[in-house]
Amino acid sequence: MTGIKERIGGYFRDNPVTTKRKVDNYLTENLPRLAREYKLASEKDIAPIDEKIEDHDKSISELEKWKVDVKDRVSTLKKRVEKIEITTGGGK
């Protein structure tokens, strides 16, 4: 029959107490309280914010495309106006 010392030693050889295990156990037991206490956000809390950021990013991309299109149109119109001024003798 093995003594208590050997059984305890065997248990800890099979189930070592590591820092990772201690942290995991601590977080498992205390995460809800820590989240409330430190006002930690979860993925569920962040999802609407991510969605808004994606919407704004899409809007900005569309505005940048619109800006390029408008600049191209303005440039084309300026060239046409210059051409008309040259042919009619108007302008400068």
PDB file of N, CA and C in Angstrom:
ATOM      1  N   MET A   1       0.849  -1.173   0.000  1.00  0.00           N
ATOM      2  CA  MET A   1       0.000   0.000   0.000  1.00  0.00           C
ATOM      3  C   MET A   1       0.896   1.237   0.000  1.00  0.00           C
ATOM      4  N   THR A   2       0.559   2.132  -0.894  1.00  0.00           N
ATOM      5  CA  THR A   2       1.365   3.350  -0.981  1.00  0.00           C
ATOM      6  C   THR A   2       0.891   4.337   0.060  1.00  0.00           C
ATOM      7  N   GLY A   3       1.842   5.107   0.505  1.00  0.00           N
ATOM      8  CA  GLY A   3       1.523   6.106   1.514  1.00  0.00           C
ATOM      9  C   GLY A   3       0.901   7.342   0.906  1.00  0.00           C
ATOM     10  N   ILE A   4       0.414   8.193   1.765  1.00  0.00           N
ATOM     11  CA  ILE A   4      -0.237   9.433   1.323  1.00  0.00           C
ATOM     12  C   ILE A   4       0.729  10.309   0.547  1.00  0.00           C
ATOM     13  N   LYS A   5       1.989  10.314   0.964  1.00  0.00           N
ATOM     14  CA  LYS A   5       2.996  11.131   0.297  1.00  0.00           C
ATOM     15  C   LYS A   5       3.166  10.686  -1.156  1.00  0.00           C
ATOM     16  N   GLU A   6       3.223   9.384  -1.390  1.00  0.00           N
ATOM     17  CA  GLU A   6       3.374   8.875  -2.751  1.00  0.00           C
ATOM     18  C   GLU A   6       2.134   9.166  -3.607  1.00  0.00           C
ATOM     19  N   ARG A   7       0.954   9.022  -2.995  1.00  0.00           N
ATOM     20  CA  ARG A   7      -0.276   9.302  -3.753  1.00  0.00           C
ATOM     21  C   ARG A   7      -0.366  10.772  -4.137  1.00  0.00           C
ATOM     22  N   ILE A   8      -0.022  11.660  -3.214  1.00  0.00           N
ATOM     23  CA  ILE A   8      -0.033  13.098  -3.522  1.00  0.00           C
ATOM     24  C   ILE A   8       0.989  13.411  -4.601  1.00  0.00           C
ATOM     25  N   GLY A   9       2.198  12.842  -4.461  1.00  0.00           N
ATOM     26  CA  GLY A   9       3.235  13.046  -5.482  1.00  0.00           C
ATOM     27  C   GLY A   9       2.783  12.550  -6.842  1.00  0.00           C
ATOM     28  N   GLY A  10       2.134  11.375  -6.873  1.00  0.00           N
ATOM     29  CA  GLY A  10       1.625  10.823  -8.126  1.00  0.00           C
ATOM     30  C   GLY A  10       0.558  11.708  -8.747  1.00  0.00           C
ATOM     31  N   TYR A  11      -0.316  12.260  -7.920  1.00  0.00           N
ATOM     32  CA  TYR A  11      -1.369  13.146  -8.421  1.00  0.00           C
ATOM     33  C   TYR A  11      -0.756  14.369  -9.096  1.00  0.00           C
ATOM     34  N   PHE A  12       0.229  14.975  -8.430  1.00  0.00           N
ATOM     35  CA  PHE A  12       0.816  16.187  -9.003  1.00  0.00           C
ATOM     36  C   PHE A  12       1.712  15.894 -10.196  1.00  0.00           C
ATOM     37  N   ARG A  13       2.243  14.680 -10.298  1.00  0.00           N
ATOM     38  CA  ARG A  13       2.966  14.308 -11.515  1.00  0.00           C
ATOM     39  C   ARG A  13       1.985  14.177 -12.677  1.00  0.00           C
ATOM     40  N   ASP A  14       0.832  13.607 -12.423  1.00  0.00           N
ATOM     41  CA  ASP A  14      -0.190  13.447 -13.469  1.00  0.00           C
ATOM     42  C   ASP A  14      -0.936  14.745 -13.772  1.00  0.00           C
ATOM     43  N   ASN A  15      -1.058  15.606 -12.784  1.00  0.00           N
ATOM     44  CA  ASN A  15      -1.785  16.873 -12.924  1.00  0.00           C
ATOM     45  C   ASN A  15      -0.913  18.017 -12.405  1.00  0.00           C
ATOM     46  N   PRO A  16       0.099  18.367 -13.182  1.00  0.00           N
ATOM     47  CA  PRO A  16       1.008  19.409 -12.680  1.00  0.00           C
ATOM     48  C   PRO A  16       0.287  20.746 -12.517  1.00  0.00           C
ATOM     49  N   VAL A  17       0.664  21.483 -11.496  1.00  0.00           N
ATOM     50  CA  VAL A  17       0.097  22.806 -11.255  1.00  0.00           C
ATOM     51  C   VAL A  17       1.012  23.807 -11.950  1.00  0.00           C
ATOM     52  N   THR A  18       0.579  24.262 -13.101  1.00  0.00           N
ATOM     53  CA  THR A  18       1.373  25.221 -13.873  1.00  0.00           C
ATOM     54  C   THR A  18       0.749  26.599 -13.742  1.00  0.00           C
ATOM     55  N   THR A  19       1.527  27.590 -14.108  1.00  0.00           N
ATOM     56  CA  THR A  19       1.013  28.962 -14.077  1.00  0.00           C
ATOM     57  C   THR A  19      -0.172  29.098 -15.024  1.00  0.00           C
ATOM     58  N   LYS A  20      -0.057  28.473 -16.194  1.00  0.00           N
ATOM     59  CA  LYS A  20      -1.149  28.537 -17.175  1.00  0.00           C
ATOM     60  C   LYS A  20      -2.432  27.959 -16.568  1.00  0.00           C
ATOM     61  N   ARG A  21      -2.306  26.839 -15.919  1.00  0.00           N
ATOM     62  CA  ARG A  21      -3.479  26.210 -15.315  1.00  0.00           C
ATOM     63  C   ARG A  21      -4.057  27.097 -14.214  1.00  0.00           C
ATOM     64  N   LYS A  22      -3.184  27.711 -13.418  1.00  0.00           N
ATOM     65  CA  LYS A  22      -3.660  28.597 -12.353  1.00  0.00           C
ATOM     66  C   LYS A  22      -4.416  29.789 -12.945  1.00  0.00           C
ATOM     67  N   VAL A  23      -3.855  30.371 -13.989  1.00  0.00           N
ATOM     68  CA  VAL A  23      -4.501  31.526 -14.627  1.00  0.00           C
ATOM     69  C   VAL A  23      -5.832  31.106 -15.237  1.00  0.00           C
ATOM     70  N   ASP A  24      -5.843  29.972 -15.929  1.00  0.00           N
ATOM     71  CA  ASP A  24      -7.090  29.481 -16.531  1.00  0.00           C
ATOM     72  C   ASP A  24      -8.168  29.266 -15.469  1.00  0.00           C
ATOM     73  N   ASN A  25      -7.793  28.640 -14.383  1.00  0.00           N
ATOM     74  CA  ASN A  25      -8.768  28.404 -13.301  1.00  0.00           C
ATOM     75  C   ASN A  25      -9.256  29.719 -12.704  1.00  0.00           C
ATOM     76  N   TYR A  26      -8.326  30.654 -12.494  1.00  0.00           N
ATOM     77  CA  TYR A  26      -8.702  31.948 -11.922  1.00  0.00           C
ATOM     78  C   TYR A  26      -9.684  32.673 -12.842  1.00  0.00           C
ATOM     79  N   LEU A  27      -9.356  32.712 -14.146  1.00  0.00           N
ATOM     80  CA  LEU A  27     -10.237  33.407 -15.090  1.00  0.00           C
ATOM     81  C   LEU A  27     -11.594  32.719 -15.210  1.00  0.00           C
ATOM     82  N   THR A  28     -11.586  31.397 -15.204  1.00  0.00           N
ATOM     83  CA  THR A  28     -12.851  30.662 -15.286  1.00  0.00           C
ATOM     84  C   THR A  28     -13.759  31.025 -14.120  1.00  0.00           C
ATOM     85  N   GLU A  29     -13.170  31.118 -12.953  1.00  0.00           N
ATOM     86  CA  GLU A  29     -13.966  31.415 -11.764  1.00  0.00           C
ATOM     87  C   GLU A  29     -14.346  32.892 -11.647  1.00  0.00           C
ATOM     88  N   ASN A  30     -13.483  33.798 -12.122  1.00  0.00           N
ATOM     89  CA  ASN A  30     -13.665  35.219 -11.832  1.00  0.00           C
ATOM     90  C   ASN A  30     -13.963  36.111 -13.030  1.00  0.00           C
ATOM     91  N   LEU A  31     -14.022  35.559 -14.233  1.00  0.00           N
ATOM     92  CA  LEU A  31     -14.198  36.406 -15.413  1.00  0.00           C
ATOM     93  C   LEU A  31     -15.474  37.245 -15.397  1.00  0.00           C
ATOM     94  N   PRO A  32     -16.615  36.705 -15.042  1.00  0.00           N
ATOM     95  CA  PRO A  32     -17.815  37.558 -15.019  1.00  0.00           C
ATOM     96  C   PRO A  32     -17.661  38.759 -14.073  1.00  0.00           C
ATOM     97  N   ARG A  33     -17.102  38.519 -12.902  1.00  0.00           N
ATOM     98  CA  ARG A  33     -16.898  39.610 -11.946  1.00  0.00           C
ATOM     99  C   ARG A  33     -15.876  40.615 -12.483  1.00  0.00           C
ATOM    100  N   LEU A  34     -14.784  40.125 -13.073  1.00  0.00           N
ATOM    101  CA  LEU A  34     -13.754  41.018 -13.626  1.00  0.00           C
ATOM    102  C   LEU A  34     -14.315  41.853 -14.776  1.00  0.00           C
ATOM    103  N   ALA A  35     -15.133  41.234 -15.618  1.00  0.00           N
ATOM    104  CA  ALA A  35     -15.731  41.952 -16.748  1.00  0.00           C
ATOM    105  C   ALA A  35     -16.614  43.088 -16.257  1.00  0.00           C
ATOM    106  N   ARG A  36     -17.401  42.827 -15.213  1.00  0.00           N
ATOM    107  CA  ARG A  36     -18.253  43.891 -14.652  1.00  0.00           C
ATOM    108  C   ARG A  36     -17.396  44.964 -13.981  1.00  0.00           C
ATOM    109  N   GLU A  37     -16.447  44.526 -13.188  1.00  0.00           N
ATOM    110  CA  GLU A  37     -15.642  45.453 -12.392  1.00  0.00           C
ATOM    111  C   GLU A  37     -14.806  46.386 -13.270  1.00  0.00           C
ATOM    112  N   TYR A  38     -14.205  45.851 -14.310  1.00  0.00           N
ATOM    113  CA  TYR A  38     -13.328  46.646 -15.168  1.00  0.00           C
ATOM    114  C   TYR A  38     -13.999  47.067 -16.470  1.00  0.00           C
ATOM    115  N   LYS A  39     -15.301  46.800 -16.562  1.00  0.00           N
ATOM    116  CA  LYS A  39     -16.095  47.178 -17.735  1.00  0.00           C
ATOM    117  C   LYS A  39     -15.443  46.674 -19.024  1.00  0.00           C
ATOM    118  N   LEU A  40     -15.102  45.390 -19.031  1.00  0.00           N
ATOM    119  CA  LEU A  40     -14.488  44.772 -20.192  1.00  0.00           C
ATOM    120  C   LEU A  40     -15.551  44.481 -21.243  1.00  0.00           C
ATOM    121  N   ALA A  41     -15.193  44.657 -22.492  1.00  0.00           N
ATOM    122  CA  ALA A  41     -16.128  44.404 -23.586  1.00  0.00           C
ATOM    123  C   ALA A  41     -15.955  42.974 -24.081  1.00  0.00           C
ATOM    124  N   SER A  42     -17.032  42.417 -24.538  1.00  0.00           N
ATOM    125  CA  SER A  42     -16.978  41.082 -25.132  1.00  0.00           C
ATOM    126  C   SER A  42     -17.155  41.234 -26.645  1.00  0.00           C
ATOM    127  N   GLU A  43     -16.980  40.127 -27.364  1.00  0.00           N
ATOM    128  CA  GLU A  43     -17.174  40.168 -28.814  1.00  0.00           C
ATOM    129  C   GLU A  43     -18.594  40.599 -29.160  1.00  0.00           C
ATOM    130  N   LYS A  44     -19.557  40.208 -28.326  1.00  0.00           N
ATOM    131  CA  LYS A  44     -20.958  40.577 -28.549  1.00  0.00           C
ATOM    132  C   LYS A  44     -21.119  42.102 -28.454  1.00  0.00           C
ATOM    133  N   ASP A  45     -20.373  42.726 -27.530  1.00  0.00           N
ATOM    134  CA  ASP A  45     -20.445  44.176 -27.376  1.00  0.00           C
ATOM    135  C   ASP A  45     -19.788  44.905 -28.541  1.00  0.00           C
ATOM    136  N   ILE A  46     -18.766  44.303 -29.108  1.00  0.00           N
ATOM    137  CA  ILE A  46     -17.972  44.962 -30.147  1.00  0.00           C
ATOM    138  C   ILE A  46     -18.582  44.789 -31.539  1.00  0.00           C
ATOM    139  N   ALA A  47     -19.384  43.768 -31.746  1.00  0.00           N
ATOM    140  CA  ALA A  47     -19.942  43.471 -33.073  1.00  0.00           C
ATOM    141  C   ALA A  47     -20.655  44.669 -33.710  1.00  0.00           C
ATOM    142  N   PRO A  48     -21.534  45.380 -32.992  1.00  0.00           N
ATOM    143  CA  PRO A  48     -22.190  46.535 -33.627  1.00  0.00           C
ATOM    144  C   PRO A  48     -21.187  47.641 -34.010  1.00  0.00           C
ATOM    145  N   ILE A  49     -20.157  47.790 -33.223  1.00  0.00           N
ATOM    146  CA  ILE A  49     -19.144  48.808 -33.524  1.00  0.00           C
ATOM    147  C   ILE A  49     -18.391  48.423 -34.787  1.00  0.00           C
ATOM    148  N   ASP A  50     -18.016  47.152 -34.906  1.00  0.00           N
ATOM    149  CA  ASP A  50     -17.344  46.683 -36.114  1.00  0.00           C
ATOM    150  C   ASP A  50     -18.215  46.909 -37.344  1.00  0.00           C
ATOM    151  N   GLU A  51     -19.503  46.664 -37.195  1.00  0.00           N
ATOM    152  CA  GLU A  51     -20.434  46.857 -38.309  1.00  0.00           C
ATOM    153  C   GLU A  51     -20.481  48.324 -38.734  1.00  0.00           C
ATOM    154  N   LYS A  52     -20.523  49.229 -37.750  1.00  0.00           N
ATOM    155  CA  LYS A  52     -20.535  50.659 -38.062  1.00  0.00           C
ATOM    156  C   LYS A  52     -19.245  51.082 -38.749  1.00  0.00           C
ATOM    157  N   ILE A  53     -18.118  50.552 -38.284  1.00  0.00           N
ATOM    158  CA  ILE A  53     -16.835  50.893 -38.901  1.00  0.00           C
ATOM    159  C   ILE A  53     -16.812  50.427 -40.354  1.00  0.00           C
ATOM    160  N   GLU A  54     -17.306  49.219 -40.614  1.00  0.00           N
ATOM    161  CA  GLU A  54     -17.359  48.721 -41.991  1.00  0.00           C
ATOM    162  C   GLU A  54     -18.260  49.603 -42.856  1.00  0.00           C
ATOM    163  N   ASP A  55     -19.401  50.047 -42.305  1.00  0.00           N
ATOM    164  CA  ASP A  55     -20.295  50.938 -43.055  1.00  0.00           C
ATOM    165  C   ASP A  55     -19.600  52.249 -43.390  1.00  0.00           C
ATOM    166  N   HIS A  56     -18.897  52.824 -42.405  1.00  0.00           N
ATOM    167  CA  HIS A  56     -18.184  54.085 -42.643  1.00  0.00           C
ATOM    168  C   HIS A  56     -17.060  53.894 -43.659  1.00  0.00           C
ATOM    169  N   ASP A  57     -16.373  52.776 -43.571  1.00  0.00           N
ATOM    170  CA  ASP A  57     -15.295  52.486 -44.516  1.00  0.00           C
ATOM    171  C   ASP A  57     -15.851  52.400 -45.936  1.00  0.00           C
ATOM    172  N   LYS A  58     -16.997  51.748 -46.076  1.00  0.00           N
ATOM    173  CA  LYS A  58     -17.644  51.641 -47.390  1.00  0.00           C
ATOM    174  C   LYS A  58     -18.053  53.026 -47.897  1.00  0.00           C
ATOM    175  N   SER A  59     -18.611  53.850 -47.005  1.00  0.00           N
ATOM    176  CA  SER A  59     -19.015  55.201 -47.397  1.00  0.00           C
ATOM    177  C   SER A  59     -17.819  56.025 -47.845  1.00  0.00           C
ATOM    178  N   ILE A  60     -16.718  55.909 -47.127  1.00  0.00           N
ATOM    179  CA  ILE A  60     -15.506  56.659 -47.479  1.00  0.00           C
ATOM    180  C   ILE A  60     -14.991  56.207 -48.832  1.00  0.00           C
ATOM    181  N   SER A  61     -14.994  54.898 -49.074  1.00  0.00           N
ATOM    182  CA  SER A  61     -14.546  54.375 -50.368  1.00  0.00           C
ATOM    183  C   SER A  61     -15.417  54.917 -51.496  1.00  0.00           C
ATOM    184  N   GLU A  62     -16.740  54.950 -51.261  1.00  0.00           N
ATOM    185  CA  GLU A  62     -17.648  55.479 -52.272  1.00  0.00           C
ATOM    186  C   GLU A  62     -17.413  56.975 -52.505  1.00  0.00           C
ATOM    187  N   LEU A  63     -17.147  57.718 -51.436  1.00  0.00           N
ATOM    188  CA  LEU A  63     -16.871  59.147 -51.577  1.00  0.00           C
ATOM    189  C   LEU A  63     -15.569  59.392 -52.332  1.00  0.00           C
ATOM    190  N   GLU A  64     -14.563  58.565 -52.082  1.00  0.00           N
ATOM    191  CA  GLU A  64     -13.298  58.719 -52.796  1.00  0.00           C
ATOM    192  C   GLU A  64     -13.493  58.461 -54.292  1.00  0.00           C
ATOM    193  N   LYS A  65     -14.280  57.441 -54.619  1.00  0.00           N
ATOM    194  CA  LYS A  65     -14.572  57.145 -56.026  1.00  0.00           C
ATOM    195  C   LYS A  65     -15.337  58.315 -56.647  1.00  0.00           C
ATOM    196  N   TRP A  66     -16.318  58.838 -55.934  1.00  0.00           N
ATOM    197  CA  TRP A  66     -17.092  59.975 -56.421  1.00  0.00           C
ATOM    198  C   TRP A  66     -16.175  61.168 -56.662  1.00  0.00           C
ATOM    199  N   LYS A  67     -15.247  61.428 -55.748  1.00  0.00           N
ATOM    200  CA  LYS A  67     -14.318  62.551 -55.875  1.00  0.00           C
ATOM    201  C   LYS A  67     -13.466  62.410 -57.144  1.00  0.00           C
ATOM    202  N   VAL A  68     -12.961  61.215 -57.400  1.00  0.00           N
ATOM    203  CA  VAL A  68     -12.158  60.975 -58.610  1.00  0.00           C
ATOM    204  C   VAL A  68     -13.018  61.196 -59.851  1.00  0.00           C
ATOM    205  N   ASP A  69     -14.247  60.677 -59.834  1.00  0.00           N
ATOM    206  CA  ASP A  69     -15.146  60.849 -60.982  1.00  0.00           C
ATOM    207  C   ASP A  69     -15.433  62.333 -61.232  1.00  0.00           C
ATOM    208  N   VAL A  70     -15.684  63.092 -60.167  1.00  0.00           N
ATOM    209  CA  VAL A  70     -15.983  64.517 -60.307  1.00  0.00           C
ATOM    210  C   VAL A  70     -14.769  65.265 -60.847  1.00  0.00           C
ATOM    211  N   LYS A  71     -13.587  64.954 -60.356  1.00  0.00           N
ATOM    212  CA  LYS A  71     -12.374  65.616 -60.851  1.00  0.00           C
ATOM    213  C   LYS A  71     -12.185  65.345 -62.336  1.00  0.00           C
ATOM    214  N   ASP A  72     -12.431  64.099 -62.741  1.00  0.00           N
ATOM    215  CA  ASP A  72     -12.316  63.762 -64.164  1.00  0.00           C
ATOM    216  C   ASP A  72     -13.333  64.544 -64.995  1.00  0.00           C
ATOM    217  N   ARG A  73     -14.562  64.633 -64.513  1.00  0.00           N
ATOM    218  CA  ARG A  73     -15.599  65.375 -65.236  1.00  0.00           C
ATOM    219  C   ARG A  73     -15.266  66.855 -65.317  1.00  0.00           C
ATOM    220  N   VAL A  74     -14.767  67.435 -64.206  1.00  0.00           N
ATOM    221  CA  VAL A  74     -14.401  68.854 -64.186  1.00  0.00           C
ATOM    222  C   VAL A  74     -13.267  69.107 -65.166  1.00  0.00           C
ATOM    223  N   SER A  75     -12.293  68.210 -65.164  1.00  0.00           N
ATOM    224  CA  SER A  75     -11.168  68.357 -66.095  1.00  0.00           C
ATOM    225  C   SER A  75     -11.648  68.318 -67.548  1.00  0.00           C
ATOM    226  N   THR A  76     -12.544  67.378 -67.846  1.00  0.00           N
ATOM    227  CA  THR A  76     -13.100  67.283 -69.200  1.00  0.00           C
ATOM    228  C   THR A  76     -13.872  68.548 -69.561  1.00  0.00           C
ATOM    229  N   LEU A  77     -14.668  69.053 -68.618  1.00  0.00           N
ATOM    230  CA  LEU A  77     -15.444  70.272 -68.879  1.00  0.00           C
ATOM    231  C   LEU A  77     -14.527  71.479 -69.086  1.00  0.00           C
ATOM    232  N   LYS A  78     -13.464  71.591 -68.295  1.00  0.00           N
ATOM    233  CA  LYS A  78     -12.517  72.700 -68.466  1.00  0.00           C
ATOM    234  C   LYS A  78     -11.891  72.673 -69.857  1.00  0.00           C
ATOM    235  N   LYS A  79     -11.518  71.478 -70.304  1.00  0.00           N
ATOM    236  CA  LYS A  79     -10.933  71.352 -71.645  1.00  0.00           C
ATOM    237  C   LYS A  79     -11.930  71.761 -72.718  1.00  0.00           C
ATOM    238  N   ARG A  80     -13.183  71.359 -72.542  1.00  0.00           N
ATOM    239  CA  ARG A  80     -14.210  71.722 -73.522  1.00  0.00           C
ATOM    240  C   ARG A  80     -14.449  73.230 -73.539  1.00  0.00           C
ATOM    241  N   VAL A  81     -14.468  73.850 -72.328  1.00  0.00           N
ATOM    242  CA  VAL A  81     -14.666  75.299 -72.241  1.00  0.00           C
ATOM    243  C   VAL A  81     -13.496  76.023 -72.906  1.00  0.00           C
ATOM    244  N   GLU A  82     -12.267  75.574 -72.644  1.00  0.00           N
ATOM    245  CA  GLU A  82     -11.089  76.188 -73.266  1.00  0.00           C
ATOM    246  C   GLU A  82     -11.165  76.084 -74.789  1.00  0.00           C
ATOM    247  N   LYS A  83     -11.580  74.909 -75.276  1.00  0.00           N
ATOM    248  CA  LYS A  83     -11.700  74.693 -76.710  1.00  0.00           C
ATOM    249  C   LYS A  83     -12.742  75.644 -77.312  1.00  0.00           C
ATOM    250  N   ILE A  84     -13.865  75.811 -76.625  1.00  0.00           N
ATOM    251  CA  ILE A  84     -14.922  76.715 -77.092  1.00  0.00           C
ATOM    252  C   ILE A  84     -14.409  78.156 -77.077  1.00  0.00           C
ATOM    253  N   GLU A  85     -13.703  78.543 -76.026  1.00  0.00           N
ATOM    254  CA  GLU A  85     -13.160  79.907 -75.929  1.00  0.00           C
ATOM    255  C   GLU A  85     -12.174  80.188 -77.055  1.00  0.00           C
ATOM    256  N   ILE A  86     -11.346  79.192 -77.383  1.00  0.00           N
ATOM    257  CA  ILE A  86     -10.358  79.363 -78.452  1.00  0.00           C
ATOM    258  C   ILE A  86     -11.059  79.526 -79.796  1.00  0.00           C
ATOM    259  N   THR A  87     -12.064  78.686 -80.041  1.00  0.00           N
ATOM    260  CA  THR A  87     -12.744  78.723 -81.346  1.00  0.00           C
ATOM    261  C   THR A  87     -13.631  79.968 -81.488  1.00  0.00           C
ATOM    262  N   THR A  88     -14.125  80.508 -80.373  1.00  0.00           N
ATOM    263  CA  THR A  88     -15.017  81.663 -80.478  1.00  0.00           C
ATOM    264  C   THR A  88     -14.248  82.977 -80.250  1.00  0.00           C
ATOM    265  N   GLY A  89     -12.994  82.867 -79.849  1.00  0.00           N
ATOM    266  CA  GLY A  89     -12.216  84.074 -79.595  1.00  0.00           C
ATOM    267  C   GLY A  89     -12.543  84.714 -78.269  1.00  0.00           C
ATOM    268  N   GLY A  90     -13.262  84.044 -77.417  1.00  0.00           N
ATOM    269  CA  GLY A  90     -13.615  84.605 -76.104  1.00  0.00           C
ATOM    270  C   GLY A  90     -12.552  84.258 -75.059  1.00  0.00           C
ATOM    271  N   GLY A  91     -12.838  84.573 -73.855  1.00  0.00           N
ATOM    272  CA  GLY A  91     -11.930  84.226 -72.767  1.00  0.00           C
ATOM    273  C   GLY A  91     -10.835  85.248 -72.590  1.00  0.00           C
ATOM    274  N   LYS A  92      -9.651  84.820 -72.341  1.00  0.00           N
ATOM    275  CA  LYS A  92      -8.513  85.698 -72.025  1.00  0.00           C
ATOM    276  C   LYS A  92      -8.135  86.480 -73.178  1.00  0.00           C
TER     277      LYS A  92
END
